Amino acid sequence: MATVSIDNLAAGMILKSNVCDRSGRLLLPEGVELTEKHLQILRTWGILEAEIVGGSETEAAGHGDEEISPEALAEAEANVKPLFIHNNLEHPAIKELLRLCIIRKAMHAS
């Protein structure tokens, strides 16, 4: 079992545990095999990750991070971080958004 980022979830994966929104409302129960419609629902409700049966740590870590050089990541962070100056960088959604922006900036700069 692994907690997998929403960007790494794919149709056919099976949920290990219930997925609930921030208020605790059940969105998808454990044991559901994900479909494209389920993935759209998770994105719509702002779900960042889910526990998957048989998921690996590689899936949980993200598949693109290791392909980017540390120098490119540092440069991307220096370019992107000022855009978040008025945000609480400790908020989980903001932290994830910043992480994704840095990765994408670094990938597009390569």
PDB file of N, CA and C in Angstrom:
ATOM      1  N   MET A   1       0.840  -1.174   0.000  1.00  0.00           N
ATOM      2  CA  MET A   1       0.000   0.000   0.000  1.00  0.00           C
ATOM      3  C   MET A   1       0.883   1.233   0.000  1.00  0.00           C
ATOM      4  N   ALA A   2       0.457   2.266  -0.745  1.00  0.00           N
ATOM      5  CA  ALA A   2       1.181   3.532  -0.766  1.00  0.00           C
ATOM      6  C   ALA A   2       0.195   4.660  -0.962  1.00  0.00           C
ATOM      7  N   THR A   3       0.552   5.812  -0.437  1.00  0.00           N
ATOM      8  CA  THR A   3      -0.225   7.009  -0.698  1.00  0.00           C
ATOM      9  C   THR A   3       0.322   7.593  -1.988  1.00  0.00           C
ATOM     10  N   VAL A   4      -0.554   7.755  -2.971  1.00  0.00           N
ATOM     11  CA  VAL A   4      -0.151   8.165  -4.308  1.00  0.00           C
ATOM     12  C   VAL A   4      -0.740   9.535  -4.611  1.00  0.00           C
ATOM     13  N   SER A   5       0.089  10.423  -5.156  1.00  0.00           N
ATOM     14  CA  SER A   5      -0.346  11.762  -5.568  1.00  0.00           C
ATOM     15  C   SER A   5      -1.415  11.654  -6.650  1.00  0.00           C
ATOM     16  N   ILE A   6      -2.326  12.614  -6.668  1.00  0.00           N
ATOM     17  CA  ILE A   6      -3.398  12.625  -7.659  1.00  0.00           C
ATOM     18  C   ILE A   6      -2.840  12.599  -9.086  1.00  0.00           C
ATOM     19  N   ASP A   7      -1.672  13.201  -9.299  1.00  0.00           N
ATOM     20  CA  ASP A   7      -1.065  13.208 -10.630  1.00  0.00           C
ATOM     21  C   ASP A   7      -0.595  11.831 -11.062  1.00  0.00           C
ATOM     22  N   ASN A   8      -0.388  10.929 -10.102  1.00  0.00           N
ATOM     23  CA  ASN A   8       0.110   9.592 -10.413  1.00  0.00           C
ATOM     24  C   ASN A   8      -0.974   8.524 -10.344  1.00  0.00           C
ATOM     25  N   LEU A   9      -2.189   8.906  -9.972  1.00  0.00           N
ATOM     26  CA  LEU A   9      -3.296   7.944  -9.965  1.00  0.00           C
ATOM     27  C   LEU A   9      -3.717   7.656 -11.397  1.00  0.00           C
ATOM     28  N   ALA A  10      -4.168   6.433 -11.630  1.00  0.00           N
ATOM     29  CA  ALA A  10      -4.598   6.043 -12.970  1.00  0.00           C
ATOM     30  C   ALA A  10      -5.817   5.136 -12.868  1.00  0.00           C
ATOM     31  N   ALA A  11      -6.593   5.121 -13.928  1.00  0.00           N
ATOM     32  CA  ALA A  11      -7.747   4.225 -13.994  1.00  0.00           C
ATOM     33  C   ALA A  11      -7.256   2.793 -13.817  1.00  0.00           C
ATOM     34  N   GLY A  12      -8.010   2.009 -13.069  1.00  0.00           N
ATOM     35  CA  GLY A  12      -7.648   0.620 -12.825  1.00  0.00           C
ATOM     36  C   GLY A  12      -7.032   0.390 -11.455  1.00  0.00           C
ATOM     37  N   MET A  13      -6.514   1.443 -10.818  1.00  0.00           N
ATOM     38  CA  MET A  13      -5.972   1.302  -9.462  1.00  0.00           C
ATOM     39  C   MET A  13      -7.130   1.116  -8.489  1.00  0.00           C
ATOM     40  N   ILE A  14      -6.859   0.426  -7.371  1.00  0.00           N
ATOM     41  CA  ILE A  14      -7.900   0.128  -6.385  1.00  0.00           C
ATOM     42  C   ILE A  14      -7.597   0.868  -5.090  1.00  0.00           C
ATOM     43  N   LEU A  15      -8.626   1.556  -4.559  1.00  0.00           N
ATOM     44  CA  LEU A  15      -8.456   2.319  -3.326  1.00  0.00           C
ATOM     45  C   LEU A  15      -8.299   1.393  -2.125  1.00  0.00           C
ATOM     46  N   LYS A  16      -7.305   1.663  -1.305  1.00  0.00           N
ATOM     47  CA  LYS A  16      -7.065   0.903  -0.075  1.00  0.00           C
ATOM     48  C   LYS A  16      -7.947   1.412   1.067  1.00  0.00           C
ATOM     49  N   SER A  17      -8.282   2.715   1.037  1.00  0.00           N
ATOM     50  CA  SER A  17      -9.110   3.300   2.096  1.00  0.00           C
ATOM     51  C   SER A  17     -10.088   4.294   1.489  1.00  0.00           C
ATOM     52  N   ASN A  18     -11.086   4.662   2.288  1.00  0.00           N
ATOM     53  CA  ASN A  18     -12.076   5.640   1.849  1.00  0.00           C
ATOM     54  C   ASN A  18     -11.406   6.964   1.506  1.00  0.00           C
ATOM     55  N   VAL A  19     -11.967   7.655   0.532  1.00  0.00           N
ATOM     56  CA  VAL A  19     -11.520   9.008   0.192  1.00  0.00           C
ATOM     57  C   VAL A  19     -12.648   9.955   0.572  1.00  0.00           C
ATOM     58  N   CYS A  20     -12.338  10.906   1.461  1.00  0.00           N
ATOM     59  CA  CYS A  20     -13.327  11.858   1.945  1.00  0.00           C
ATOM     60  C   CYS A  20     -12.884  13.276   1.623  1.00  0.00           C
ATOM     61  N   ASP A  21     -13.872  14.189   1.507  1.00  0.00           N
ATOM     62  CA  ASP A  21     -13.525  15.592   1.306  1.00  0.00           C
ATOM     63  C   ASP A  21     -13.132  16.206   2.648  1.00  0.00           C
ATOM     64  N   ARG A  22     -12.835  17.499   2.660  1.00  0.00           N
ATOM     65  CA  ARG A  22     -12.352  18.150   3.880  1.00  0.00           C
ATOM     66  C   ARG A  22     -13.359  18.129   5.013  1.00  0.00           C
ATOM     67  N   SER A  23     -14.645  18.082   4.689  1.00  0.00           N
ATOM     68  CA  SER A  23     -15.663  18.055   5.735  1.00  0.00           C
ATOM     69  C   SER A  23     -15.962  16.631   6.202  1.00  0.00           C
ATOM     70  N   GLY A  24     -15.291  15.646   5.621  1.00  0.00           N
ATOM     71  CA  GLY A  24     -15.479  14.263   6.031  1.00  0.00           C
ATOM     72  C   GLY A  24     -16.505  13.499   5.213  1.00  0.00           C
ATOM     73  N   ARG A  25     -17.084  14.141   4.208  1.00  0.00           N
ATOM     74  CA  ARG A  25     -18.073  13.477   3.360  1.00  0.00           C
ATOM     75  C   ARG A  25     -17.381  12.443   2.479  1.00  0.00           C
ATOM     76  N   LEU A  26     -17.920  11.248   2.458  1.00  0.00           N
ATOM     77  CA  LEU A  26     -17.352  10.161   1.657  1.00  0.00           C
ATOM     78  C   LEU A  26     -17.506  10.451   0.173  1.00  0.00           C
ATOM     79  N   LEU A  27     -16.389  10.464  -0.542  1.00  0.00           N
ATOM     80  CA  LEU A  27     -16.423  10.647  -1.991  1.00  0.00           C
ATOM     81  C   LEU A  27     -16.352   9.308  -2.706  1.00  0.00           C
ATOM     82  N   LEU A  28     -15.408   8.450  -2.271  1.00  0.00           N
ATOM     83  CA  LEU A  28     -15.267   7.112  -2.844  1.00  0.00           C
ATOM     84  C   LEU A  28     -14.920   6.138  -1.724  1.00  0.00           C
ATOM     85  N   PRO A  29     -15.581   4.986  -1.675  1.00  0.00           N
ATOM     86  CA  PRO A  29     -15.281   4.015  -0.621  1.00  0.00           C
ATOM     87  C   PRO A  29     -14.072   3.154  -0.969  1.00  0.00           C
ATOM     88  N   GLU A  30     -13.485   2.553   0.063  1.00  0.00           N
ATOM     89  CA  GLU A  30     -12.357   1.651  -0.162  1.00  0.00           C
ATOM     90  C   GLU A  30     -12.795   0.494  -1.052  1.00  0.00           C
ATOM     91  N   GLY A  31     -11.839  -0.035  -1.814  1.00  0.00           N
ATOM     92  CA  GLY A  31     -12.122  -1.169  -2.687  1.00  0.00           C
ATOM     93  C   GLY A  31     -12.588  -0.792  -4.080  1.00  0.00           C
ATOM     94  N   VAL A  32     -12.843   0.496  -4.318  1.00  0.00           N
ATOM     95  CA  VAL A  32     -13.307   0.923  -5.634  1.00  0.00           C
ATOM     96  C   VAL A  32     -12.157   0.894  -6.627  1.00  0.00           C
ATOM     97  N   GLU A  33     -12.425   0.372  -7.816  1.00  0.00           N
ATOM     98  CA  GLU A  33     -11.452   0.443  -8.901  1.00  0.00           C
ATOM     99  C   GLU A  33     -11.652   1.778  -9.601  1.00  0.00           C
ATOM    100  N   LEU A  34     -10.604   2.591  -9.628  1.00  0.00           N
ATOM    101  CA  LEU A  34     -10.713   3.944 -10.167  1.00  0.00           C
ATOM    102  C   LEU A  34     -10.969   3.947 -11.667  1.00  0.00           C
ATOM    103  N   THR A  35     -11.818   4.871 -12.085  1.00  0.00           N
ATOM    104  CA  THR A  35     -12.070   5.129 -13.497  1.00  0.00           C
ATOM    105  C   THR A  35     -11.672   6.578 -13.783  1.00  0.00           C
ATOM    106  N   GLU A  36     -11.693   6.969 -15.032  1.00  0.00           N
ATOM    107  CA  GLU A  36     -11.383   8.361 -15.380  1.00  0.00           C
ATOM    108  C   GLU A  36     -12.385   9.311 -14.708  1.00  0.00           C
ATOM    109  N   LYS A  37     -13.636   8.897 -14.620  1.00  0.00           N
ATOM    110  CA  LYS A  37     -14.656   9.737 -13.968  1.00  0.00           C
ATOM    111  C   LYS A  37     -14.323   9.920 -12.490  1.00  0.00           C
ATOM    112  N   HIS A  38     -13.875   8.864 -11.819  1.00  0.00           N
ATOM    113  CA  HIS A  38     -13.475   8.971 -10.414  1.00  0.00           C
ATOM    114  C   HIS A  38     -12.317   9.958 -10.256  1.00  0.00           C
ATOM    115  N   LEU A  39     -11.338   9.886 -11.151  1.00  0.00           N
ATOM    116  CA  LEU A  39     -10.184  10.786 -11.083  1.00  0.00           C
ATOM    117  C   LEU A  39     -10.631  12.239 -11.241  1.00  0.00           C
ATOM    118  N   GLN A  40     -11.599  12.470 -12.128  1.00  0.00           N
ATOM    119  CA  GLN A  40     -12.138  13.825 -12.314  1.00  0.00           C
ATOM    120  C   GLN A  40     -12.846  14.294 -11.040  1.00  0.00           C
ATOM    121  N   ILE A  41     -13.580  13.410 -10.392  1.00  0.00           N
ATOM    122  CA  ILE A  41     -14.263  13.746  -9.133  1.00  0.00           C
ATOM    123  C   ILE A  41     -13.246  14.130  -8.073  1.00  0.00           C
ATOM    124  N   LEU A  42     -12.180  13.364  -7.955  1.00  0.00           N
ATOM    125  CA  LEU A  42     -11.147  13.655  -6.955  1.00  0.00           C
ATOM    126  C   LEU A  42     -10.510  15.017  -7.217  1.00  0.00           C
ATOM    127  N   ARG A  43     -10.223  15.314  -8.470  1.00  0.00           N
ATOM    128  CA  ARG A  43      -9.634  16.618  -8.800  1.00  0.00           C
ATOM    129  C   ARG A  43     -10.613  17.748  -8.504  1.00  0.00           C
ATOM    130  N   THR A  44     -11.881  17.543  -8.825  1.00  0.00           N
ATOM    131  CA  THR A  44     -12.909  18.557  -8.587  1.00  0.00           C
ATOM    132  C   THR A  44     -13.018  18.896  -7.103  1.00  0.00           C
ATOM    133  N   TRP A  45     -12.908  17.905  -6.238  1.00  0.00           N
ATOM    134  CA  TRP A  45     -13.033  18.114  -4.793  1.00  0.00           C
ATOM    135  C   TRP A  45     -11.697  18.474  -4.136  1.00  0.00           C
ATOM    136  N   GLY A  46     -10.644  18.632  -4.914  1.00  0.00           N
ATOM    137  CA  GLY A  46      -9.367  19.083  -4.365  1.00  0.00           C
ATOM    138  C   GLY A  46      -8.597  18.021  -3.607  1.00  0.00           C
ATOM    139  N   ILE A  47      -8.838  16.756  -3.919  1.00  0.00           N
ATOM    140  CA  ILE A  47      -8.117  15.665  -3.270  1.00  0.00           C
ATOM    141  C   ILE A  47      -6.702  15.625  -3.847  1.00  0.00           C
ATOM    142  N   LEU A  48      -5.694  15.589  -2.982  1.00  0.00           N
ATOM    143  CA  LEU A  48      -4.301  15.625  -3.419  1.00  0.00           C
ATOM    144  C   LEU A  48      -3.665  14.253  -3.527  1.00  0.00           C
ATOM    145  N   GLU A  49      -4.208  13.262  -2.778  1.00  0.00           N
ATOM    146  CA  GLU A  49      -3.609  11.931  -2.784  1.00  0.00           C
ATOM    147  C   GLU A  49      -4.614  10.908  -2.295  1.00  0.00           C
ATOM    148  N   ALA A  50      -4.309   9.645  -2.553  1.00  0.00           N
ATOM    149  CA  ALA A  50      -5.168   8.552  -2.105  1.00  0.00           C
ATOM    150  C   ALA A  50      -4.301   7.327  -1.837  1.00  0.00           C
ATOM    151  N   GLU A  51      -4.771   6.489  -0.918  1.00  0.00           N
ATOM    152  CA  GLU A  51      -4.063   5.230  -0.632  1.00  0.00           C
ATOM    153  C   GLU A  51      -4.528   4.176  -1.617  1.00  0.00           C
ATOM    154  N   ILE A  52      -3.554   3.520  -2.240  1.00  0.00           N
ATOM    155  CA  ILE A  52      -3.823   2.543  -3.294  1.00  0.00           C
ATOM    156  C   ILE A  52      -3.326   1.165  -2.870  1.00  0.00           C
ATOM    157  N   VAL A  53      -4.115   0.131  -3.170  1.00  0.00           N
ATOM    158  CA  VAL A  53      -3.716  -1.247  -2.904  1.00  0.00           C
ATOM    159  C   VAL A  53      -2.533  -1.584  -3.795  1.00  0.00           C
ATOM    160  N   GLY A  54      -1.463  -2.123  -3.191  1.00  0.00           N
ATOM    161  CA  GLY A  54      -0.305  -2.550  -3.965  1.00  0.00           C
ATOM    162  C   GLY A  54       0.514  -1.425  -4.543  1.00  0.00           C
ATOM    163  N   GLY A  55       0.237  -0.194  -4.145  1.00  0.00           N
ATOM    164  CA  GLY A  55       1.013   0.940  -4.648  1.00  0.00           C
ATOM    165  C   GLY A  55       2.450   0.852  -4.169  1.00  0.00           C
ATOM    166  N   SER A  56       3.359   1.344  -4.974  1.00  0.00           N
ATOM    167  CA  SER A  56       4.775   1.296  -4.606  1.00  0.00           C
ATOM    168  C   SER A  56       5.246   2.667  -4.155  1.00  0.00           C
ATOM    169  N   GLU A  57       6.384   2.690  -3.491  1.00  0.00           N
ATOM    170  CA  GLU A  57       6.958   3.958  -3.061  1.00  0.00           C
ATOM    171  C   GLU A  57       7.367   4.800  -4.259  1.00  0.00           C
ATOM    172  N   THR A  58       7.690   4.177  -5.372  1.00  0.00           N
ATOM    173  CA  THR A  58       8.043   4.916  -6.585  1.00  0.00           C
ATOM    174  C   THR A  58       6.851   5.712  -7.079  1.00  0.00           C
ATOM    175  N   GLU A  59       5.672   5.094  -7.067  1.00  0.00           N
ATOM    176  CA  GLU A  59       4.469   5.805  -7.470  1.00  0.00           C
ATOM    177  C   GLU A  59       4.179   6.944  -6.508  1.00  0.00           C
ATOM    178  N   ALA A  60       4.365   6.706  -5.233  1.00  0.00           N
ATOM    179  CA  ALA A  60       4.066   7.715  -4.226  1.00  0.00           C
ATOM    180  C   ALA A  60       4.999   8.906  -4.339  1.00  0.00           C
ATOM    181  N   ALA A  61       6.245   8.672  -4.705  1.00  0.00           N
ATOM    182  CA  ALA A  61       7.222   9.755  -4.789  1.00  0.00           C
ATOM    183  C   ALA A  61       7.018  10.622  -6.018  1.00  0.00           C
ATOM    184  N   GLY A  62       6.367  10.115  -7.023  1.00  0.00           N
ATOM    185  CA  GLY A  62       6.191  10.862  -8.258  1.00  0.00           C
ATOM    186  C   GLY A  62       7.175  10.356  -9.298  1.00  0.00           C
ATOM    187  N   HIS A  63       6.747  10.310 -10.531  1.00  0.00           N
ATOM    188  CA  HIS A  63       7.588   9.694 -11.546  1.00  0.00           C
ATOM    189  C   HIS A  63       8.522  10.665 -12.236  1.00  0.00           C
ATOM    190  N   GLY A  64       8.310  11.966 -12.159  1.00  0.00           N
ATOM    191  CA  GLY A  64       9.130  12.889 -12.907  1.00  0.00           C
ATOM    192  C   GLY A  64      10.220  13.554 -12.101  1.00  0.00           C
ATOM    193  N   ASP A  65      10.134  13.554 -10.780  1.00  0.00           N
ATOM    194  CA  ASP A  65      11.056  14.307  -9.947  1.00  0.00           C
ATOM    195  C   ASP A  65      12.505  13.893 -10.143  1.00  0.00           C
ATOM    196  N   GLU A  66      12.782  12.599 -10.279  1.00  0.00           N
ATOM    197  CA  GLU A  66      14.151  12.136 -10.348  1.00  0.00           C
ATOM    198  C   GLU A  66      14.804  12.425 -11.693  1.00  0.00           C
ATOM    199  N   GLU A  67      14.043  12.828 -12.709  1.00  0.00           N
ATOM    200  CA  GLU A  67      14.596  13.121 -14.018  1.00  0.00           C
ATOM    201  C   GLU A  67      15.097  14.556 -14.104  1.00  0.00           C
ATOM    202  N   ILE A  68      14.805  15.389 -13.116  1.00  0.00           N
ATOM    203  CA  ILE A  68      15.159  16.799 -13.136  1.00  0.00           C
ATOM    204  C   ILE A  68      16.413  17.007 -12.293  1.00  0.00           C
ATOM    205  N   SER A  69      17.360  17.737 -12.841  1.00  0.00           N
ATOM    206  CA  SER A  69      18.593  17.984 -12.100  1.00  0.00           C
ATOM    207  C   SER A  69      18.332  18.906 -10.912  1.00  0.00           C
ATOM    208  N   PRO A  70      19.100  18.760  -9.841  1.00  0.00           N
ATOM    209  CA  PRO A  70      18.940  19.631  -8.670  1.00  0.00           C
ATOM    210  C   PRO A  70      19.133  21.109  -9.021  1.00  0.00           C
ATOM    211  N   GLU A  71      20.017  21.393  -9.967  1.00  0.00           N
ATOM    212  CA  GLU A  71      20.252  22.780 -10.388  1.00  0.00           C
ATOM    213  C   GLU A  71      19.001  23.359 -11.050  1.00  0.00           C
ATOM    214  N   ALA A  72      18.349  22.563 -11.901  1.00  0.00           N
ATOM    215  CA  ALA A  72      17.135  23.019 -12.574  1.00  0.00           C
ATOM    216  C   ALA A  72      16.012  23.243 -11.560  1.00  0.00           C
ATOM    217  N   LEU A  73      15.916  22.351 -10.567  1.00  0.00           N
ATOM    218  CA  LEU A  73      14.903  22.523  -9.522  1.00  0.00           C
ATOM    219  C   LEU A  73      15.163  23.786  -8.704  1.00  0.00           C
ATOM    220  N   ALA A  74      16.419  24.034  -8.371  1.00  0.00           N
ATOM    221  CA  ALA A  74      16.762  25.227  -7.582  1.00  0.00           C
ATOM    222  C   ALA A  74      16.451  26.500  -8.371  1.00  0.00           C
ATOM    223  N   GLU A  75      16.772  26.503  -9.652  1.00  0.00           N
ATOM    224  CA  GLU A  75      16.478  27.668 -10.489  1.00  0.00           C
ATOM    225  C   GLU A  75      14.968  27.878 -10.625  1.00  0.00           C
ATOM    226  N   ALA A  76      14.229  26.785 -10.828  1.00  0.00           N
ATOM    227  CA  ALA A  76      12.773  26.879 -10.937  1.00  0.00           C
ATOM    228  C   ALA A  76      12.166  27.392  -9.629  1.00  0.00           C
ATOM    229  N   GLU A  77      12.676  26.899  -8.501  1.00  0.00           N
ATOM    230  CA  GLU A  77      12.167  27.360  -7.210  1.00  0.00           C
ATOM    231  C   GLU A  77      12.419  28.848  -7.028  1.00  0.00           C
ATOM    232  N   ALA A  78      13.594  29.310  -7.425  1.00  0.00           N
ATOM    233  CA  ALA A  78      13.918  30.739  -7.312  1.00  0.00           C
ATOM    234  C   ALA A  78      12.990  31.589  -8.180  1.00  0.00           C
ATOM    235  N   ASN A  79      12.557  31.053  -9.315  1.00  0.00           N
ATOM    236  CA  ASN A  79      11.660  31.786 -10.209  1.00  0.00           C
ATOM    237  C   ASN A  79      10.201  31.733  -9.765  1.00  0.00           C
ATOM    238  N   VAL A  80       9.787  30.616  -9.186  1.00  0.00           N
ATOM    239  CA  VAL A  80       8.381  30.410  -8.850  1.00  0.00           C
ATOM    240  C   VAL A  80       8.020  30.917  -7.452  1.00  0.00           C
ATOM    241  N   LYS A  81       8.901  30.734  -6.487  1.00  0.00           N
ATOM    242  CA  LYS A  81       8.582  31.059  -5.093  1.00  0.00           C
ATOM    243  C   LYS A  81       8.117  32.514  -4.893  1.00  0.00           C
ATOM    244  N   PRO A  82       8.701  33.502  -5.583  1.00  0.00           N
ATOM    245  CA  PRO A  82       8.196  34.870  -5.405  1.00  0.00           C
ATOM    246  C   PRO A  82       6.723  35.044  -5.783  1.00  0.00           C
ATOM    247  N   LEU A  83       6.216  34.185  -6.636  1.00  0.00           N
ATOM    248  CA  LEU A  83       4.808  34.267  -7.027  1.00  0.00           C
ATOM    249  C   LEU A  83       3.877  33.869  -5.880  1.00  0.00           C
ATOM    250  N   PHE A  84       4.414  33.198  -4.869  1.00  0.00           N
ATOM    251  CA  PHE A  84       3.625  32.716  -3.737  1.00  0.00           C
ATOM    252  C   PHE A  84       3.859  33.550  -2.472  1.00  0.00           C
ATOM    253  N   ILE A  85       4.418  34.736  -2.626  1.00  0.00           N
ATOM    254  CA  ILE A  85       4.839  35.545  -1.472  1.00  0.00           C
ATOM    255  C   ILE A  85       3.684  35.866  -0.515  1.00  0.00           C
ATOM    256  N   HIS A  86       2.478  35.997  -1.021  1.00  0.00           N
ATOM    257  CA  HIS A  86       1.335  36.360  -0.187  1.00  0.00           C
ATOM    258  C   HIS A  86       0.519  35.150   0.269  1.00  0.00           C
ATOM    259  N   ASN A  87       1.072  33.967   0.142  1.00  0.00           N
ATOM    260  CA  ASN A  87       0.377  32.734   0.521  1.00  0.00           C
ATOM    261  C   ASN A  87       1.032  32.105   1.739  1.00  0.00           C
ATOM    262  N   ASN A  88       0.255  31.329   2.463  1.00  0.00           N
ATOM    263  CA  ASN A  88       0.763  30.550   3.595  1.00  0.00           C
ATOM    264  C   ASN A  88       1.381  29.274   3.028  1.00  0.00           C
ATOM    265  N   LEU A  89       2.704  29.236   2.973  1.00  0.00           N
ATOM    266  CA  LEU A  89       3.393  28.095   2.372  1.00  0.00           C
ATOM    267  C   LEU A  89       3.299  26.825   3.212  1.00  0.00           C
ATOM    268  N   GLU A  90       2.769  26.915   4.424  1.00  0.00           N
ATOM    269  CA  GLU A  90       2.583  25.732   5.264  1.00  0.00           C
ATOM    270  C   GLU A  90       1.218  25.072   5.040  1.00  0.00           C
ATOM    271  N   HIS A  91       0.310  25.757   4.333  1.00  0.00           N
ATOM    272  CA  HIS A  91      -1.002  25.170   4.039  1.00  0.00           C
ATOM    273  C   HIS A  91      -0.796  24.020   3.054  1.00  0.00           C
ATOM    274  N   PRO A  92      -1.383  22.850   3.318  1.00  0.00           N
ATOM    275  CA  PRO A  92      -1.122  21.677   2.463  1.00  0.00           C
ATOM    276  C   PRO A  92      -1.427  21.901   0.979  1.00  0.00           C
ATOM    277  N   ALA A  93      -2.510  22.582   0.668  1.00  0.00           N
ATOM    278  CA  ALA A  93      -2.851  22.804  -0.741  1.00  0.00           C
ATOM    279  C   ALA A  93      -1.855  23.746  -1.405  1.00  0.00           C
ATOM    280  N   ILE A  94      -1.451  24.799  -0.700  1.00  0.00           N
ATOM    281  CA  ILE A  94      -0.479  25.748  -1.243  1.00  0.00           C
ATOM    282  C   ILE A  94       0.882  25.083  -1.395  1.00  0.00           C
ATOM    283  N   LYS A  95       1.252  24.284  -0.400  1.00  0.00           N
ATOM    284  CA  LYS A  95       2.540  23.578  -0.453  1.00  0.00           C
ATOM    285  C   LYS A  95       2.593  22.645  -1.671  1.00  0.00           C
ATOM    286  N   GLU A  96       1.504  21.920  -1.910  1.00  0.00           N
ATOM    287  CA  GLU A  96       1.448  21.007  -3.057  1.00  0.00           C
ATOM    288  C   GLU A  96       1.441  21.789  -4.367  1.00  0.00           C
ATOM    289  N   LEU A  97       0.706  22.885  -4.416  1.00  0.00           N
ATOM    290  CA  LEU A  97       0.659  23.709  -5.625  1.00  0.00           C
ATOM    291  C   LEU A  97       2.046  24.273  -5.943  1.00  0.00           C
ATOM    292  N   LEU A  98       2.746  24.753  -4.930  1.00  0.00           N
ATOM    293  CA  LEU A  98       4.099  25.259  -5.119  1.00  0.00           C
ATOM    294  C   LEU A  98       5.024  24.155  -5.638  1.00  0.00           C
ATOM    295  N   ARG A  99       4.943  22.971  -5.033  1.00  0.00           N
ATOM    296  CA  ARG A  99       5.777  21.842  -5.455  1.00  0.00           C
ATOM    297  C   ARG A  99       5.538  21.497  -6.926  1.00  0.00           C
ATOM    298  N   LEU A 100       4.265  21.440  -7.323  1.00  0.00           N
ATOM    299  CA  LEU A 100       3.926  21.112  -8.707  1.00  0.00           C
ATOM    300  C   LEU A 100       4.395  22.197  -9.671  1.00  0.00           C
ATOM    301  N   CYS A 101       4.248  23.457  -9.275  1.00  0.00           N
ATOM    302  CA  CYS A 101       4.703  24.562 -10.125  1.00  0.00           C
ATOM    303  C   CYS A 101       6.213  24.508 -10.337  1.00  0.00           C
ATOM    304  N   ILE A 102       6.939  24.226  -9.274  1.00  0.00           N
ATOM    305  CA  ILE A 102       8.400  24.151  -9.380  1.00  0.00           C
ATOM    306  C   ILE A 102       8.813  23.012 -10.310  1.00  0.00           C
ATOM    307  N   ILE A 103       8.194  21.857 -10.150  1.00  0.00           N
ATOM    308  CA  ILE A 103       8.520  20.708 -11.010  1.00  0.00           C
ATOM    309  C   ILE A 103       8.203  21.012 -12.468  1.00  0.00           C
ATOM    310  N   ARG A 104       7.032  21.573 -12.715  1.00  0.00           N
ATOM    311  CA  ARG A 104       6.660  21.856 -14.093  1.00  0.00           C
ATOM    312  C   ARG A 104       7.539  22.932 -14.711  1.00  0.00           C
ATOM    313  N   LYS A 105       7.883  23.945 -13.936  1.00  0.00           N
ATOM    314  CA  LYS A 105       8.785  24.998 -14.431  1.00  0.00           C
ATOM    315  C   LYS A 105      10.142  24.393 -14.787  1.00  0.00           C
ATOM    316  N   ALA A 106      10.648  23.519 -13.919  1.00  0.00           N
ATOM    317  CA  ALA A 106      11.947  22.879 -14.171  1.00  0.00           C
ATOM    318  C   ALA A 106      11.880  21.966 -15.398  1.00  0.00           C
ATOM    319  N   MET A 107      10.784  21.254 -15.559  1.00  0.00           N
ATOM    320  CA  MET A 107      10.642  20.355 -16.703  1.00  0.00           C
ATOM    321  C   MET A 107      10.565  21.137 -18.022  1.00  0.00           C
ATOM    322  N   HIS A 108       9.867  22.261 -18.005  1.00  0.00           N
ATOM    323  CA  HIS A 108       9.724  23.051 -19.219  1.00  0.00           C
ATOM    324  C   HIS A 108      10.990  23.849 -19.545  1.00  0.00           C
ATOM    325  N   ALA A 109      11.799  24.110 -18.533  1.00  0.00           N
ATOM    326  CA  ALA A 109      13.046  24.836 -18.758  1.00  0.00           C
ATOM    327  C   ALA A 109      14.108  23.940 -19.395  1.00  0.00           C
ATOM    328  N   SER A 110      13.979  22.621 -19.199  1.00  0.00           N
ATOM    329  CA  SER A 110      14.980  21.675 -19.727  1.00  0.00           C
ATOM    330  C   SER A 110      14.886  21.539 -21.224  1.00  0.00           C
TER     331      SER A 110
END
